[in-house]
Amino acid sequence: MKPFTRRMIGTINFAEAVLTLVGLVAAYGIAERLVSAQELAGPGDVATRTVHWWGPDFTTTLNMSLLIVGAAAGAVGSVIHQSMVFAQRAGLETLERGFVWWYLLRPVWSALLGAVVVVAVNTGLISIGDETTSTAGVTVLVMMGCLAGLFTDQAMRRLRPMLGATPPEETQVPDDESNPSTDRR
C-alpha cells in the first residue's frame, strides 16, 4: 500500500475513534436522562427528550435512545478492532489496497449490527437477566453493542445459519481481516 494511502487510513481511523467516542458519550447521556425521566413519568406515560445537534432536532424516547446507544457502541467496538488490525498490518507492512473499503465501511455495518443486538436484548430475544430500562441495563446494552461491533465478523458468522443464509462450505472465502495474526510477508 502506498504511504499516502496508509497515512490516510490511519488519519481516518483516528477521526473515527474520536467521533465514535463522542457519539457514544452523547448517546449514553441521553439514555441515562431518559431512564430517570421514565422512572418519574406516570404509568402509561412515555418520557421524551428533544435532541439538539448539527442537523435537524428530533425527539426521542427511551427505547429509541437505546437503539442509538447500540449503534454508537457498535461503531466504537468496530473502530477498536479495525484500528488494531490497521496498526498491526501497518507495522508488519502487510496492508493491502483492496481493504480500503473495509476500513471505511466496517464501522457503519458494525453500528447497524450493534443496534440490532441491542434491540434483540432489549426486547427479550436474548436474555441478560436485568431490566434494560434501568441505568445498569443501559450499561449492559452498551456493552452488548460494543461487543457486537468488536466481533462483527464472528457475530455475522453465527447469525447466518439462523437466517438460512449460509453458503455451501466450498464457496466460503476465509475472512483474513478478522484474523489479522497471519503474517503474509
Protein backbone atom coordinates (compact mmCIF):
# COMPACT_ATOMS: atom_id res chain seq x y z
CA MET A 1 0.00 0.00 0.00
CA LYS A 2 1.27 3.46 -0.84
CA PRO A 3 2.46 5.62 2.09
CA PHE A 4 -0.17 8.30 1.32
CA THR A 5 -3.00 5.73 1.46
CA ARG A 6 -1.60 4.28 4.68
CA ARG A 7 -1.49 7.74 6.28
CA MET A 8 -4.99 8.49 5.02
CA ILE A 9 -6.39 5.29 6.54
CA GLY A 10 -4.56 5.98 9.81
CA THR A 11 -5.99 9.51 9.92
CA ILE A 12 -9.49 8.23 9.14
CA ASN A 13 -9.17 5.60 11.91
CA PHE A 14 -8.15 8.30 14.39
CA ALA A 15 -11.01 10.61 13.33
CA GLU A 16 -13.49 7.73 13.55
CA ALA A 17 -12.24 6.90 17.04
CA VAL A 18 -12.78 10.46 18.26
CA LEU A 19 -16.19 10.78 16.59
CA THR A 20 -17.48 7.42 17.82
CA LEU A 21 -16.32 8.12 21.38
CA VAL A 22 -18.06 11.50 21.40
CA GLY A 23 -21.16 9.88 19.87
CA LEU A 24 -21.21 7.13 22.48
CA VAL A 25 -20.82 9.58 25.37
CA ALA A 26 -23.64 11.76 23.99
CA ALA A 27 -25.96 8.80 23.31
CA TYR A 28 -25.28 7.29 26.73
CA GLY A 29 -26.03 10.62 28.42
CA ILE A 30 -29.34 10.93 26.58
CA ALA A 31 -30.29 7.35 27.51
CA GLU A 32 -29.44 7.91 31.19
CA ARG A 33 -31.52 11.09 31.31
CA LEU A 34 -34.43 9.28 29.68
CA VAL A 35 -34.17 6.42 32.21
CA SER A 36 -34.56 8.97 35.01
CA ALA A 37 -37.40 10.77 33.22
CA GLN A 38 -39.21 7.48 32.55
CA GLU A 39 -38.96 6.50 36.21
CA LEU A 40 -40.59 9.84 37.16
CA ALA A 41 -43.29 9.59 34.48
CA GLY A 42 -46.64 8.21 35.48
CA PRO A 43 -47.92 4.80 34.45
CA GLY A 44 -48.68 4.73 30.75
CA ASP A 45 -46.70 7.90 30.09
CA VAL A 46 -43.69 7.85 27.79
CA ALA A 47 -40.83 10.20 28.59
CA THR A 48 -39.30 12.03 25.65
CA ARG A 49 -36.34 14.30 25.12
CA THR A 50 -35.55 16.64 22.25
CA VAL A 51 -32.05 16.13 20.91
CA HIS A 52 -30.31 19.20 19.52
CA TRP A 53 -27.41 18.58 17.18
CA TRP A 54 -25.87 19.85 13.93
CA GLY A 55 -28.70 18.51 11.79
CA PRO A 56 -32.42 18.80 12.41
CA ASP A 57 -33.51 18.42 16.03
CA PHE A 58 -35.52 15.31 16.88
CA THR A 59 -37.47 13.93 19.81
CA THR A 60 -36.55 10.52 21.18
CA THR A 61 -37.96 8.07 23.67
CA LEU A 62 -36.02 5.72 25.94
CA ASN A 63 -36.34 2.80 23.53
CA MET A 64 -35.20 4.91 20.59
CA SER A 65 -32.26 6.23 22.62
CA LEU A 66 -31.25 2.62 23.33
CA LEU A 67 -31.16 1.96 19.59
CA ILE A 68 -28.89 4.99 19.17
CA VAL A 69 -26.70 3.81 22.07
CA GLY A 70 -26.40 0.38 20.46
CA ALA A 71 -25.36 1.88 17.13
CA ALA A 72 -22.82 4.17 18.81
CA ALA A 73 -21.41 1.30 20.88
CA GLY A 74 -21.22 -0.94 17.80
CA ALA A 75 -19.27 1.74 15.96
CA VAL A 76 -16.88 2.13 18.91
CA GLY A 77 -16.28 -1.64 19.01
CA SER A 78 -15.65 -1.68 15.27
CA VAL A 79 -13.17 1.19 15.43
CA ILE A 80 -11.31 -0.60 18.22
CA HIS A 81 -11.00 -3.75 16.11
CA GLN A 82 -10.14 -2.09 12.83
CA SER A 83 -7.58 0.22 14.46
CA MET A 84 -5.84 -2.78 15.99
CA VAL A 85 -5.85 -4.56 12.61
CA PHE A 86 -4.54 -1.44 10.89
CA ALA A 87 -1.77 -0.87 13.44
CA GLN A 88 -0.65 -4.49 13.24
CA ARG A 89 -0.72 -4.62 9.45
CA ALA A 90 0.95 -1.22 9.07
CA GLY A 91 3.69 -2.33 11.45
CA LEU A 92 4.23 -5.59 9.58
CA GLU A 93 3.87 -3.80 6.21
CA THR A 94 1.15 -6.22 5.11
CA LEU A 95 -1.59 -3.67 4.34
CA GLU A 96 -3.45 -4.45 1.15
CA ARG A 97 -5.02 -1.88 -1.15
CA GLY A 98 -8.19 -3.96 -1.54
CA PHE A 99 -9.15 -3.47 2.11
CA VAL A 100 -9.53 0.33 1.94
CA TRP A 101 -13.33 -0.02 1.72
CA TRP A 102 -13.28 -2.43 4.65
CA TYR A 103 -11.66 0.25 6.80
CA LEU A 104 -14.19 2.84 5.67
CA LEU A 105 -17.40 0.80 5.84
CA ARG A 106 -16.85 -1.57 8.78
CA PRO A 107 -17.93 0.99 11.42
CA VAL A 108 -21.17 1.53 9.51
CA TRP A 109 -22.21 -2.12 9.38
CA SER A 110 -20.97 -2.65 12.94
CA ALA A 111 -23.15 0.26 14.10
CA LEU A 112 -26.13 -1.36 12.41
CA LEU A 113 -25.32 -4.73 13.99
CA GLY A 114 -24.85 -3.07 17.40
CA ALA A 115 -28.31 -1.50 17.10
CA VAL A 116 -29.86 -4.84 16.10
CA VAL A 117 -28.20 -6.65 19.01
CA VAL A 118 -29.43 -4.00 21.45
CA VAL A 119 -32.97 -4.36 20.09
CA ALA A 120 -32.71 -8.16 20.45
CA VAL A 121 -31.52 -7.85 24.05
CA ASN A 122 -33.97 -5.09 24.97
CA THR A 123 -36.98 -6.96 23.58
CA GLY A 124 -36.02 -10.17 25.34
CA LEU A 125 -34.97 -12.19 22.30
CA ILE A 126 -31.65 -12.57 24.09
CA SER A 127 -31.94 -12.70 27.87
CA ILE A 128 -29.48 -10.78 30.05
CA GLY A 129 -31.33 -11.19 33.34
CA ASP A 130 -31.69 -7.47 34.07
CA GLU A 131 -34.35 -4.89 33.42
CA THR A 132 -32.93 -2.96 30.48
CA THR A 133 -34.77 0.25 31.28
CA SER A 134 -32.55 0.93 34.27
CA THR A 135 -29.17 2.64 34.35
CA ALA A 136 -27.48 -0.74 34.85
CA GLY A 137 -29.50 -2.12 31.94
CA VAL A 138 -28.33 0.70 29.68
CA THR A 139 -24.74 -0.11 30.61
CA VAL A 140 -25.30 -3.77 29.71
CA LEU A 141 -26.80 -2.72 26.37
CA VAL A 142 -23.79 -0.51 25.66
CA MET A 143 -21.52 -3.49 26.31
CA MET A 144 -23.63 -5.73 24.06
CA GLY A 145 -23.49 -3.17 21.24
CA CYS A 146 -19.76 -2.67 21.69
CA LEU A 147 -19.09 -6.42 21.66
CA ALA A 148 -21.20 -6.79 18.52
CA GLY A 149 -19.09 -4.09 16.87
CA LEU A 150 -15.84 -5.52 18.16
CA PHE A 151 -16.68 -9.01 16.95
CA THR A 152 -18.80 -8.13 13.90
CA ASP A 153 -17.33 -10.85 11.71
CA GLN A 154 -17.86 -13.58 14.30
CA ALA A 155 -21.38 -12.35 15.13
CA MET A 156 -22.36 -12.37 11.47
CA ARG A 157 -20.87 -15.83 11.03
CA ARG A 158 -23.07 -17.08 13.93
CA LEU A 159 -26.21 -15.35 12.63
CA ARG A 160 -26.00 -16.61 9.04
CA PRO A 161 -27.12 -20.21 9.79
CA MET A 162 -30.05 -18.91 11.88
CA LEU A 163 -31.19 -16.85 8.90
CA GLY A 164 -30.67 -19.67 6.40
CA ALA A 165 -28.02 -17.63 4.62
CA THR A 166 -25.06 -19.97 4.92
CA PRO A 167 -23.42 -20.68 1.56
CA PRO A 168 -22.06 -24.16 0.87
CA GLU A 169 -18.72 -24.71 2.63
CA GLU A 170 -16.72 -24.97 -0.59
CA THR A 171 -17.81 -21.44 -1.63
CA GLN A 172 -16.99 -19.78 1.68
CA VAL A 173 -13.98 -17.49 1.50
CA PRO A 174 -11.97 -17.19 4.72
CA ASP A 175 -12.03 -13.69 6.13
CA ASP A 176 -8.35 -12.90 6.64
CA GLU A 177 -9.18 -9.47 8.00
CA SER A 178 -10.96 -10.91 11.04
CA ASN A 179 -7.86 -12.98 11.81
CA PRO A 180 -5.03 -10.45 11.39
CA SER A 181 -2.38 -12.55 13.10
CA THR A 182 -1.49 -14.23 9.81
CA ASP A 183 1.83 -12.82 8.65
CA ARG A 184 1.89 -12.65 4.85
CA ARG A 185 5.44 -11.44 4.38
